[in-house]
Amino acid sequence: MGIEPTIEHRRHGRWYVIGLGGEIDLATAPALETAIAEWDGSGDLCIDLSAVSFIDSTGLRALISGSHAAEDHDSSFCLVAPEGPVTKLLEITGLDDAWNVFASPADLGD
């Protein structure tokens, strides 16, 4: 079982950013899904994974939920994922081509 991830909500220009830290797996992915559900659709949605050390298929499913939520609100969706295990998983699954993936929050612009 994973350790409950740290989750923070913040604004960065036009983006509503959900920042995560820790592991996103079967035990902790529901916390990410809850954080996404709490987004009211204002602004565009970005999930910041720069402090995530591990993500499995249930975490990917939660990210797909975020992408669908953004679509439902006619909003853009992106991820922040610096090089590492999370980026490698996104590359293996092809999701790095499906979504905008930035190396750092500074790359989001305004």
PDB file of N, CA and C in Angstrom:
ATOM      1  N   MET A   1       0.824  -1.186   0.000  1.00  0.00           N
ATOM      2  CA  MET A   1       0.000   0.000   0.000  1.00  0.00           C
ATOM      3  C   MET A   1       0.863   1.241   0.000  1.00  0.00           C
ATOM      4  N   GLY A   2       0.415   2.244  -0.769  1.00  0.00           N
ATOM      5  CA  GLY A   2       1.166   3.484  -0.847  1.00  0.00           C
ATOM      6  C   GLY A   2       0.888   4.391   0.327  1.00  0.00           C
ATOM      7  N   ILE A   3       1.743   5.349   0.468  1.00  0.00           N
ATOM      8  CA  ILE A   3       1.577   6.386   1.480  1.00  0.00           C
ATOM      9  C   ILE A   3       0.700   7.466   0.866  1.00  0.00           C
ATOM     10  N   GLU A   4      -0.244   7.979   1.648  1.00  0.00           N
ATOM     11  CA  GLU A   4      -1.158   9.009   1.141  1.00  0.00           C
ATOM     12  C   GLU A   4      -0.349  10.154   0.530  1.00  0.00           C
ATOM     13  N   PRO A   5      -0.681  10.531  -0.715  1.00  0.00           N
ATOM     14  CA  PRO A   5       0.092  11.601  -1.355  1.00  0.00           C
ATOM     15  C   PRO A   5      -0.216  12.953  -0.724  1.00  0.00           C
ATOM     16  N   THR A   6       0.734  13.855  -0.829  1.00  0.00           N
ATOM     17  CA  THR A   6       0.446  15.236  -0.451  1.00  0.00           C
ATOM     18  C   THR A   6      -0.217  15.886  -1.662  1.00  0.00           C
ATOM     19  N   ILE A   7      -1.228  16.686  -1.383  1.00  0.00           N
ATOM     20  CA  ILE A   7      -1.968  17.336  -2.464  1.00  0.00           C
ATOM     21  C   ILE A   7      -2.136  18.803  -2.116  1.00  0.00           C
ATOM     22  N   GLU A   8      -1.847  19.670  -3.089  1.00  0.00           N
ATOM     23  CA  GLU A   8      -2.087  21.090  -2.908  1.00  0.00           C
ATOM     24  C   GLU A   8      -2.792  21.621  -4.149  1.00  0.00           C
ATOM     25  N   HIS A   9      -3.603  22.624  -3.936  1.00  0.00           N
ATOM     26  CA  HIS A   9      -4.320  23.285  -5.021  1.00  0.00           C
ATOM     27  C   HIS A   9      -3.795  24.715  -5.083  1.00  0.00           C
ATOM     28  N   ARG A  10      -3.501  25.200  -6.295  1.00  0.00           N
ATOM     29  CA  ARG A  10      -3.020  26.573  -6.439  1.00  0.00           C
ATOM     30  C   ARG A  10      -3.364  27.092  -7.831  1.00  0.00           C
ATOM     31  N   ARG A  11      -3.277  28.386  -7.978  1.00  0.00           N
ATOM     32  CA  ARG A  11      -3.464  29.037  -9.276  1.00  0.00           C
ATOM     33  C   ARG A  11      -2.105  29.408  -9.837  1.00  0.00           C
ATOM     34  N   HIS A  12      -1.951  29.263 -11.129  1.00  0.00           N
ATOM     35  CA  HIS A  12      -0.751  29.706 -11.833  1.00  0.00           C
ATOM     36  C   HIS A  12      -1.244  30.296 -13.150  1.00  0.00           C
ATOM     37  N   GLY A  13      -1.434  31.607 -13.162  1.00  0.00           N
ATOM     38  CA  GLY A  13      -1.998  32.240 -14.352  1.00  0.00           C
ATOM     39  C   GLY A  13      -3.374  31.681 -14.646  1.00  0.00           C
ATOM     40  N   ARG A  14      -3.564  31.198 -15.860  1.00  0.00           N
ATOM     41  CA  ARG A  14      -4.866  30.651 -16.253  1.00  0.00           C
ATOM     42  C   ARG A  14      -5.092  29.226 -15.761  1.00  0.00           C
ATOM     43  N   TRP A  15      -4.061  28.632 -15.168  1.00  0.00           N
ATOM     44  CA  TRP A  15      -4.111  27.227 -14.762  1.00  0.00           C
ATOM     45  C   TRP A  15      -4.584  27.050 -13.322  1.00  0.00           C
ATOM     46  N   TYR A  16      -5.429  26.055 -13.116  1.00  0.00           N
ATOM     47  CA  TYR A  16      -5.748  25.548 -11.786  1.00  0.00           C
ATOM     48  C   TYR A  16      -4.853  24.331 -11.632  1.00  0.00           C
ATOM     49  N   VAL A  17      -3.905  24.406 -10.727  1.00  0.00           N
ATOM     50  CA  VAL A  17      -2.883  23.360 -10.602  1.00  0.00           C
ATOM     51  C   VAL A  17      -3.153  22.504  -9.375  1.00  0.00           C
ATOM     52  N   ILE A  18      -3.174  21.196  -9.596  1.00  0.00           N
ATOM     53  CA  ILE A  18      -3.227  20.229  -8.499  1.00  0.00           C
ATOM     54  C   ILE A  18      -1.825  19.651  -8.406  1.00  0.00           C
ATOM     55  N   GLY A  19      -1.122  19.978  -7.337  1.00  0.00           N
ATOM     56  CA  GLY A  19       0.236  19.501  -7.137  1.00  0.00           C
ATOM     57  C   GLY A  19       0.239  18.279  -6.233  1.00  0.00           C
ATOM     58  N   LEU A  20       0.983  17.269  -6.631  1.00  0.00           N
ATOM     59  CA  LEU A  20       1.039  16.015  -5.877  1.00  0.00           C
ATOM     60  C   LEU A  20       2.462  15.696  -5.473  1.00  0.00           C
ATOM     61  N   GLY A  21       2.587  14.977  -4.376  1.00  0.00           N
ATOM     62  CA  GLY A  21       3.875  14.466  -3.943  1.00  0.00           C
ATOM     63  C   GLY A  21       3.694  13.074  -3.385  1.00  0.00           C
ATOM     64  N   GLY A  22       4.682  12.228  -3.525  1.00  0.00           N
ATOM     65  CA  GLY A  22       4.601  10.864  -3.006  1.00  0.00           C
ATOM     66  C   GLY A  22       4.320   9.870  -4.111  1.00  0.00           C
ATOM     67  N   GLU A  23       3.574   8.815  -3.771  1.00  0.00           N
ATOM     68  CA  GLU A  23       3.268   7.748  -4.714  1.00  0.00           C
ATOM     69  C   GLU A  23       1.792   7.792  -5.082  1.00  0.00           C
ATOM     70  N   ILE A  24       1.498   7.551  -6.361  1.00  0.00           N
ATOM     71  CA  ILE A  24       0.118   7.473  -6.819  1.00  0.00           C
ATOM     72  C   ILE A  24      -0.101   6.033  -7.289  1.00  0.00           C
ATOM     73  N   ASP A  25      -0.834   5.275  -6.468  1.00  0.00           N
ATOM     74  CA  ASP A  25      -1.066   3.857  -6.755  1.00  0.00           C
ATOM     75  C   ASP A  25      -2.487   3.487  -6.354  1.00  0.00           C
ATOM     76  N   LEU A  26      -2.764   2.205  -6.311  1.00  0.00           N
ATOM     77  CA  LEU A  26      -4.109   1.717  -6.002  1.00  0.00           C
ATOM     78  C   LEU A  26      -4.662   2.307  -4.707  1.00  0.00           C
ATOM     79  N   ALA A  27      -3.819   2.448  -3.719  1.00  0.00           N
ATOM     80  CA  ALA A  27      -4.270   2.960  -2.421  1.00  0.00           C
ATOM     81  C   ALA A  27      -4.445   4.469  -2.399  1.00  0.00           C
ATOM     82  N   THR A  28      -3.719   5.191  -3.245  1.00  0.00           N
ATOM     83  CA  THR A  28      -3.722   6.650  -3.146  1.00  0.00           C
ATOM     84  C   THR A  28      -4.376   7.369  -4.327  1.00  0.00           C
ATOM     85  N   ALA A  29      -4.594   6.673  -5.433  1.00  0.00           N
ATOM     86  CA  ALA A  29      -5.206   7.300  -6.610  1.00  0.00           C
ATOM     87  C   ALA A  29      -6.570   7.921  -6.298  1.00  0.00           C
ATOM     88  N   PRO A  30      -7.381   7.328  -5.404  1.00  0.00           N
ATOM     89  CA  PRO A  30      -8.658   7.974  -5.083  1.00  0.00           C
ATOM     90  C   PRO A  30      -8.510   9.403  -4.544  1.00  0.00           C
ATOM     91  N   ALA A  31      -7.422   9.701  -3.865  1.00  0.00           N
ATOM     92  CA  ALA A  31      -7.198  11.064  -3.370  1.00  0.00           C
ATOM     93  C   ALA A  31      -7.004  12.019  -4.543  1.00  0.00           C
ATOM     94  N   LEU A  32      -6.316  11.576  -5.592  1.00  0.00           N
ATOM     95  CA  LEU A  32      -6.157  12.393  -6.790  1.00  0.00           C
ATOM     96  C   LEU A  32      -7.502  12.580  -7.481  1.00  0.00           C
ATOM     97  N   GLU A  33      -8.271  11.519  -7.583  1.00  0.00           N
ATOM     98  CA  GLU A  33      -9.589  11.615  -8.213  1.00  0.00           C
ATOM     99  C   GLU A  33     -10.487  12.581  -7.445  1.00  0.00           C
ATOM    100  N   THR A  34     -10.409  12.568  -6.131  1.00  0.00           N
ATOM    101  CA  THR A  34     -11.189  13.503  -5.312  1.00  0.00           C
ATOM    102  C   THR A  34     -10.738  14.940  -5.578  1.00  0.00           C
ATOM    103  N   ALA A  35      -9.435  15.153  -5.646  1.00  0.00           N
ATOM    104  CA  ALA A  35      -8.907  16.500  -5.904  1.00  0.00           C
ATOM    105  C   ALA A  35      -9.383  17.007  -7.262  1.00  0.00           C
ATOM    106  N   ILE A  36      -9.417  16.137  -8.253  1.00  0.00           N
ATOM    107  CA  ILE A  36      -9.903  16.523  -9.580  1.00  0.00           C
ATOM    108  C   ILE A  36     -11.391  16.859  -9.510  1.00  0.00           C
ATOM    109  N   ALA A  37     -12.160  16.055  -8.801  1.00  0.00           N
ATOM    110  CA  ALA A  37     -13.601  16.290  -8.678  1.00  0.00           C
ATOM    111  C   ALA A  37     -13.908  17.608  -7.966  1.00  0.00           C
ATOM    112  N   GLU A  38     -12.994  18.068  -7.113  1.00  0.00           N
ATOM    113  CA  GLU A  38     -13.192  19.336  -6.399  1.00  0.00           C
ATOM    114  C   GLU A  38     -12.949  20.547  -7.281  1.00  0.00           C
ATOM    115  N   TRP A  39     -12.297  20.374  -8.432  1.00  0.00           N
ATOM    116  CA  TRP A  39     -12.071  21.464  -9.373  1.00  0.00           C
ATOM    117  C   TRP A  39     -13.413  21.891  -9.943  1.00  0.00           C
ATOM    118  N   ASP A  40     -13.690  23.187  -9.903  1.00  0.00           N
ATOM    119  CA  ASP A  40     -15.001  23.682 -10.347  1.00  0.00           C
ATOM    120  C   ASP A  40     -15.052  24.041 -11.829  1.00  0.00           C
ATOM    121  N   GLY A  41     -13.996  23.783 -12.557  1.00  0.00           N
ATOM    122  CA  GLY A  41     -13.993  24.049 -13.984  1.00  0.00           C
ATOM    123  C   GLY A  41     -13.505  25.435 -14.364  1.00  0.00           C
ATOM    124  N   SER A  42     -13.156  26.238 -13.367  1.00  0.00           N
ATOM    125  CA  SER A  42     -12.643  27.570 -13.703  1.00  0.00           C
ATOM    126  C   SER A  42     -11.164  27.463 -14.057  1.00  0.00           C
ATOM    127  N   GLY A  43     -10.777  28.091 -15.145  1.00  0.00           N
ATOM    128  CA  GLY A  43      -9.402  28.006 -15.615  1.00  0.00           C
ATOM    129  C   GLY A  43      -9.151  26.677 -16.296  1.00  0.00           C
ATOM    130  N   ASP A  44      -7.919  26.464 -16.667  1.00  0.00           N
ATOM    131  CA  ASP A  44      -7.508  25.205 -17.281  1.00  0.00           C
ATOM    132  C   ASP A  44      -6.871  24.333 -16.207  1.00  0.00           C
ATOM    133  N   LEU A  45      -6.924  23.024 -16.405  1.00  0.00           N
ATOM    134  CA  LEU A  45      -6.481  22.077 -15.381  1.00  0.00           C
ATOM    135  C   LEU A  45      -5.086  21.555 -15.675  1.00  0.00           C
ATOM    136  N   CYS A  46      -4.237  21.604 -14.657  1.00  0.00           N
ATOM    137  CA  CYS A  46      -2.884  21.061 -14.755  1.00  0.00           C
ATOM    138  C   CYS A  46      -2.595  20.213 -13.522  1.00  0.00           C
ATOM    139  N   ILE A  47      -2.070  19.027 -13.743  1.00  0.00           N
ATOM    140  CA  ILE A  47      -1.660  18.145 -12.651  1.00  0.00           C
ATOM    141  C   ILE A  47      -0.128  18.198 -12.580  1.00  0.00           C
ATOM    142  N   ASP A  48       0.385  18.670 -11.454  1.00  0.00           N
ATOM    143  CA  ASP A  48       1.824  18.802 -11.259  1.00  0.00           C
ATOM    144  C   ASP A  48       2.346  17.553 -10.564  1.00  0.00           C
ATOM    145  N   LEU A  49       3.065  16.738 -11.313  1.00  0.00           N
ATOM    146  CA  LEU A  49       3.607  15.470 -10.809  1.00  0.00           C
ATOM    147  C   LEU A  49       5.089  15.563 -10.483  1.00  0.00           C
ATOM    148  N   SER A  50       5.626  16.782 -10.389  1.00  0.00           N
ATOM    149  CA  SER A  50       7.068  16.917 -10.214  1.00  0.00           C
ATOM    150  C   SER A  50       7.584  16.342  -8.899  1.00  0.00           C
ATOM    151  N   ALA A  51       6.727  16.177  -7.900  1.00  0.00           N
ATOM    152  CA  ALA A  51       7.166  15.590  -6.628  1.00  0.00           C
ATOM    153  C   ALA A  51       6.655  14.160  -6.445  1.00  0.00           C
ATOM    154  N   VAL A  52       6.179  13.546  -7.534  1.00  0.00           N
ATOM    155  CA  VAL A  52       5.688  12.163  -7.478  1.00  0.00           C
ATOM    156  C   VAL A  52       6.847  11.224  -7.788  1.00  0.00           C
ATOM    157  N   SER A  53       7.055  10.249  -6.912  1.00  0.00           N
ATOM    158  CA  SER A  53       8.160   9.315  -7.086  1.00  0.00           C
ATOM    159  C   SER A  53       7.749   8.022  -7.784  1.00  0.00           C
ATOM    160  N   PHE A  54       6.427   7.751  -7.850  1.00  0.00           N
ATOM    161  CA  PHE A  54       5.942   6.512  -8.457  1.00  0.00           C
ATOM    162  C   PHE A  54       4.492   6.707  -8.859  1.00  0.00           C
ATOM    163  N   ILE A  55       4.125   6.154 -10.005  1.00  0.00           N
ATOM    164  CA  ILE A  55       2.732   6.150 -10.433  1.00  0.00           C
ATOM    165  C   ILE A  55       2.468   4.836 -11.152  1.00  0.00           C
ATOM    166  N   ASP A  56       1.323   4.207 -10.849  1.00  0.00           N
ATOM    167  CA  ASP A  56       0.978   2.953 -11.515  1.00  0.00           C
ATOM    168  C   ASP A  56      -0.246   3.168 -12.403  1.00  0.00           C
ATOM    169  N   SER A  57      -0.823   2.078 -12.889  1.00  0.00           N
ATOM    170  CA  SER A  57      -1.942   2.185 -13.828  1.00  0.00           C
ATOM    171  C   SER A  57      -3.172   2.847 -13.205  1.00  0.00           C
ATOM    172  N   THR A  58      -3.381   2.688 -11.899  1.00  0.00           N
ATOM    173  CA  THR A  58      -4.525   3.367 -11.276  1.00  0.00           C
ATOM    174  C   THR A  58      -4.279   4.870 -11.220  1.00  0.00           C
ATOM    175  N   GLY A  59      -3.040   5.271 -11.070  1.00  0.00           N
ATOM    176  CA  GLY A  59      -2.703   6.687 -11.135  1.00  0.00           C
ATOM    177  C   GLY A  59      -2.913   7.229 -12.536  1.00  0.00           C
ATOM    178  N   LEU A  60      -2.538   6.446 -13.539  1.00  0.00           N
ATOM    179  CA  LEU A  60      -2.776   6.859 -14.923  1.00  0.00           C
ATOM    180  C   LEU A  60      -4.272   7.001 -15.189  1.00  0.00           C
ATOM    181  N   ARG A  61      -5.058   6.087 -14.642  1.00  0.00           N
ATOM    182  CA  ARG A  61      -6.517   6.175 -14.801  1.00  0.00           C
ATOM    183  C   ARG A  61      -7.039   7.478 -14.200  1.00  0.00           C
ATOM    184  N   ALA A  62      -6.502   7.881 -13.057  1.00  0.00           N
ATOM    185  CA  ALA A  62      -6.908   9.140 -12.427  1.00  0.00           C
ATOM    186  C   ALA A  62      -6.521  10.329 -13.307  1.00  0.00           C
ATOM    187  N   LEU A  63      -5.352  10.262 -13.950  1.00  0.00           N
ATOM    188  CA  LEU A  63      -4.954  11.336 -14.864  1.00  0.00           C
ATOM    189  C   LEU A  63      -5.893  11.398 -16.070  1.00  0.00           C
ATOM    190  N   ILE A  64      -6.297  10.248 -16.561  1.00  0.00           N
ATOM    191  CA  ILE A  64      -7.254  10.211 -17.675  1.00  0.00           C
ATOM    192  C   ILE A  64      -8.575  10.834 -17.235  1.00  0.00           C
ATOM    193  N   SER A  65      -8.984  10.596 -15.990  1.00  0.00           N
ATOM    194  CA  SER A  65     -10.187  11.244 -15.440  1.00  0.00           C
ATOM    195  C   SER A  65     -10.031  12.759 -15.470  1.00  0.00           C
ATOM    196  N   GLY A  66      -8.847  13.233 -15.133  1.00  0.00           N
ATOM    197  CA  GLY A  66      -8.582  14.670 -15.172  1.00  0.00           C
ATOM    198  C   GLY A  66      -8.693  15.221 -16.578  1.00  0.00           C
ATOM    199  N   SER A  67      -8.171  14.487 -17.546  1.00  0.00           N
ATOM    200  CA  SER A  67      -8.261  14.898 -18.937  1.00  0.00           C
ATOM    201  C   SER A  67      -9.718  14.981 -19.381  1.00  0.00           C
ATOM    202  N   HIS A  68     -10.505  13.991 -18.996  1.00  0.00           N
ATOM    203  CA  HIS A  68     -11.930  13.990 -19.343  1.00  0.00           C
ATOM    204  C   HIS A  68     -12.676  15.125 -18.646  1.00  0.00           C
ATOM    205  N   ALA A  69     -12.320  15.408 -17.406  1.00  0.00           N
ATOM    206  CA  ALA A  69     -12.957  16.513 -16.679  1.00  0.00           C
ATOM    207  C   ALA A  69     -12.674  17.833 -17.387  1.00  0.00           C
ATOM    208  N   ALA A  70     -11.440  18.007 -17.845  1.00  0.00           N
ATOM    209  CA  ALA A  70     -11.092  19.233 -18.577  1.00  0.00           C
ATOM    210  C   ALA A  70     -11.909  19.331 -19.861  1.00  0.00           C
ATOM    211  N   GLU A  71     -12.029  18.221 -20.583  1.00  0.00           N
ATOM    212  CA  GLU A  71     -12.850  18.205 -21.798  1.00  0.00           C
ATOM    213  C   GLU A  71     -14.293  18.589 -21.481  1.00  0.00           C
ATOM    214  N   ASP A  72     -14.835  18.029 -20.404  1.00  0.00           N
ATOM    215  CA  ASP A  72     -16.220  18.317 -20.005  1.00  0.00           C
ATOM    216  C   ASP A  72     -16.431  19.803 -19.719  1.00  0.00           C
ATOM    217  N   HIS A  73     -15.380  20.495 -19.273  1.00  0.00           N
ATOM    218  CA  HIS A  73     -15.465  21.925 -18.957  1.00  0.00           C
ATOM    219  C   HIS A  73     -14.930  22.798 -20.095  1.00  0.00           C
ATOM    220  N   ASP A  74     -14.679  22.195 -21.260  1.00  0.00           N
ATOM    221  CA  ASP A  74     -14.080  22.916 -22.393  1.00  0.00           C
ATOM    222  C   ASP A  74     -12.813  23.649 -21.973  1.00  0.00           C
ATOM    223  N   SER A  75     -11.994  22.977 -21.178  1.00  0.00           N
ATOM    224  CA  SER A  75     -10.742  23.538 -20.667  1.00  0.00           C
ATOM    225  C   SER A  75      -9.562  22.741 -21.202  1.00  0.00           C
ATOM    226  N   SER A  76      -8.400  23.357 -21.155  1.00  0.00           N
ATOM    227  CA  SER A  76      -7.165  22.663 -21.521  1.00  0.00           C
ATOM    228  C   SER A  76      -6.710  21.796 -20.351  1.00  0.00           C
ATOM    229  N   PHE A  77      -5.870  20.812 -20.661  1.00  0.00           N
ATOM    230  CA  PHE A  77      -5.336  19.900 -19.653  1.00  0.00           C
ATOM    231  C   PHE A  77      -3.849  19.739 -19.904  1.00  0.00           C
ATOM    232  N   CYS A  78      -3.070  19.723 -18.824  1.00  0.00           N
ATOM    233  CA  CYS A  78      -1.638  19.473 -18.963  1.00  0.00           C
ATOM    234  C   CYS A  78      -1.098  18.786 -17.726  1.00  0.00           C
ATOM    235  N   LEU A  79       0.122  18.310 -17.859  1.00  0.00           N
ATOM    236  CA  LEU A  79       0.859  17.715 -16.751  1.00  0.00           C
ATOM    237  C   LEU A  79       2.196  18.427 -16.617  1.00  0.00           C
ATOM    238  N   VAL A  80       2.691  18.491 -15.401  1.00  0.00           N
ATOM    239  CA  VAL A  80       4.078  18.870 -15.156  1.00  0.00           C
ATOM    240  C   VAL A  80       4.764  17.597 -14.684  1.00  0.00           C
ATOM    241  N   ALA A  81       5.749  17.161 -15.455  1.00  0.00           N
ATOM    242  CA  ALA A  81       6.449  15.923 -15.126  1.00  0.00           C
ATOM    243  C   ALA A  81       7.892  16.029 -15.605  1.00  0.00           C
ATOM    244  N   PRO A  82       8.805  16.359 -14.687  1.00  0.00           N
ATOM    245  CA  PRO A  82      10.217  16.398 -15.079  1.00  0.00           C
ATOM    246  C   PRO A  82      10.719  14.988 -15.389  1.00  0.00           C
ATOM    247  N   GLU A  83      11.875  14.908 -16.003  1.00  0.00           N
ATOM    248  CA  GLU A  83      12.456  13.608 -16.333  1.00  0.00           C
ATOM    249  C   GLU A  83      12.507  12.711 -15.098  1.00  0.00           C
ATOM    250  N   GLY A  84      12.192  11.452 -15.296  1.00  0.00           N
ATOM    251  CA  GLY A  84      12.228  10.485 -14.213  1.00  0.00           C
ATOM    252  C   GLY A  84      11.221   9.378 -14.445  1.00  0.00           C
ATOM    253  N   PRO A  85      10.883   8.617 -13.404  1.00  0.00           N
ATOM    254  CA  PRO A  85      10.014   7.454 -13.578  1.00  0.00           C
ATOM    255  C   PRO A  85       8.609   7.810 -14.092  1.00  0.00           C
ATOM    256  N   VAL A  86       8.079   8.949 -13.685  1.00  0.00           N
ATOM    257  CA  VAL A  86       6.742   9.332 -14.148  1.00  0.00           C
ATOM    258  C   VAL A  86       6.783   9.628 -15.644  1.00  0.00           C
ATOM    259  N   THR A  87       7.780  10.384 -16.070  1.00  0.00           N
ATOM    260  CA  THR A  87       7.914  10.705 -17.490  1.00  0.00           C
ATOM    261  C   THR A  87       8.118   9.441 -18.309  1.00  0.00           C
ATOM    262  N   LYS A  88       8.904   8.515 -17.791  1.00  0.00           N
ATOM    263  CA  LYS A  88       9.150   7.256 -18.501  1.00  0.00           C
ATOM    264  C   LYS A  88       7.842   6.491 -18.710  1.00  0.00           C
ATOM    265  N   LEU A  89       6.988   6.437 -17.685  1.00  0.00           N
ATOM    266  CA  LEU A  89       5.707   5.756 -17.804  1.00  0.00           C
ATOM    267  C   LEU A  89       4.812   6.460 -18.826  1.00  0.00           C
ATOM    268  N   LEU A  90       4.817   7.789 -18.830  1.00  0.00           N
ATOM    269  CA  LEU A  90       4.026   8.531 -19.813  1.00  0.00           C
ATOM    270  C   LEU A  90       4.515   8.228 -21.237  1.00  0.00           C
ATOM    271  N   GLU A  91       5.829   8.109 -21.405  1.00  0.00           N
ATOM    272  CA  GLU A  91       6.393   7.785 -22.716  1.00  0.00           C
ATOM    273  C   GLU A  91       6.018   6.370 -23.143  1.00  0.00           C
ATOM    274  N   ILE A  92       6.125   5.412 -22.229  1.00  0.00           N
ATOM    275  CA  ILE A  92       5.807   4.013 -22.538  1.00  0.00           C
ATOM    276  C   ILE A  92       4.356   3.863 -22.970  1.00  0.00           C
ATOM    277  N   THR A  93       3.458   4.593 -22.321  1.00  0.00           N
ATOM    278  CA  THR A  93       2.030   4.484 -22.620  1.00  0.00           C
ATOM    279  C   THR A  93       1.589   5.380 -23.776  1.00  0.00           C
ATOM    280  N   GLY A  94       2.465   6.273 -24.224  1.00  0.00           N
ATOM    281  CA  GLY A  94       2.115   7.191 -25.302  1.00  0.00           C
ATOM    282  C   GLY A  94       1.326   8.402 -24.839  1.00  0.00           C
ATOM    283  N   LEU A  95       1.090   8.511 -23.540  1.00  0.00           N
ATOM    284  CA  LEU A  95       0.318   9.645 -23.033  1.00  0.00           C
ATOM    285  C   LEU A  95       1.080  10.957 -23.121  1.00  0.00           C
ATOM    286  N   ASP A  96       2.401  10.886 -23.226  1.00  0.00           N
ATOM    287  CA  ASP A  96       3.171  12.122 -23.396  1.00  0.00           C
ATOM    288  C   ASP A  96       2.850  12.796 -24.730  1.00  0.00           C
ATOM    289  N   ASP A  97       2.377  12.024 -25.715  1.00  0.00           N
ATOM    290  CA  ASP A  97       1.961  12.588 -26.993  1.00  0.00           C
ATOM    291  C   ASP A  97       0.507  13.046 -26.975  1.00  0.00           C
ATOM    292  N   ALA A  98      -0.289  12.483 -26.079  1.00  0.00           N
ATOM    293  CA  ALA A  98      -1.713  12.826 -26.005  1.00  0.00           C
ATOM    294  C   ALA A  98      -1.957  14.122 -25.242  1.00  0.00           C
ATOM    295  N   TRP A  99      -1.078  14.447 -24.303  1.00  0.00           N
ATOM    296  CA  TRP A  99      -1.263  15.612 -23.449  1.00  0.00           C
ATOM    297  C   TRP A  99      -0.059  16.543 -23.551  1.00  0.00           C
ATOM    298  N   ASN A 100      -0.298  17.806 -23.189  1.00  0.00           N
ATOM    299  CA  ASN A 100       0.820  18.732 -23.033  1.00  0.00           C
ATOM    300  C   ASN A 100       1.539  18.369 -21.748  1.00  0.00           C
ATOM    301  N   VAL A 101       2.822  18.101 -21.832  1.00  0.00           N
ATOM    302  CA  VAL A 101       3.627  17.742 -20.660  1.00  0.00           C
ATOM    303  C   VAL A 101       4.768  18.755 -20.572  1.00  0.00           C
ATOM    304  N   PHE A 102       4.841  19.429 -19.438  1.00  0.00           N
ATOM    305  CA  PHE A 102       5.868  20.441 -19.207  1.00  0.00           C
ATOM    306  C   PHE A 102       6.878  19.912 -18.189  1.00  0.00           C
ATOM    307  N   ALA A 103       8.124  20.354 -18.326  1.00  0.00           N
ATOM    308  CA  ALA A 103       9.190  19.898 -17.443  1.00  0.00           C
ATOM    309  C   ALA A 103       9.141  20.551 -16.063  1.00  0.00           C
ATOM    310  N   SER A 104       8.558  21.760 -15.964  1.00  0.00           N
ATOM    311  CA  SER A 104       8.484  22.437 -14.660  1.00  0.00           C
ATOM    312  C   SER A 104       7.281  23.367 -14.654  1.00  0.00           C
ATOM    313  N   PRO A 105       6.811  23.741 -13.458  1.00  0.00           N
ATOM    314  CA  PRO A 105       5.697  24.678 -13.370  1.00  0.00           C
ATOM    315  C   PRO A 105       6.003  26.022 -14.034  1.00  0.00           C
ATOM    316  N   ALA A 106       7.268  26.419 -14.052  1.00  0.00           N
ATOM    317  CA  ALA A 106       7.648  27.688 -14.686  1.00  0.00           C
ATOM    318  C   ALA A 106       7.346  27.683 -16.180  1.00  0.00           C
ATOM    319  N   ASP A 107       7.300  26.490 -16.790  1.00  0.00           N
ATOM    320  CA  ASP A 107       7.039  26.363 -18.216  1.00  0.00           C
ATOM    321  C   ASP A 107       5.561  26.586 -18.578  1.00  0.00           C
ATOM    322  N   LEU A 108       4.695  26.663 -17.569  1.00  0.00           N
ATOM    323  CA  LEU A 108       3.265  26.858 -17.830  1.00  0.00           C
ATOM    324  C   LEU A 108       2.968  28.234 -18.401  1.00  0.00           C
ATOM    325  N   GLY A 109       3.818  29.208 -18.125  1.00  0.00           N
ATOM    326  CA  GLY A 109       3.547  30.567 -18.566  1.00  0.00           C
ATOM    327  C   GLY A 109       2.400  31.153 -17.747  1.00  0.00           C
ATOM    328  N   ASP A 110       1.694  32.086 -18.341  1.00  0.00           N
ATOM    329  CA  ASP A 110       0.574  32.724 -17.629  1.00  0.00           C
ATOM    330  C   ASP A 110      -0.761  32.267 -18.149  1.00  0.00           C
TER     331      ASP A 110
END
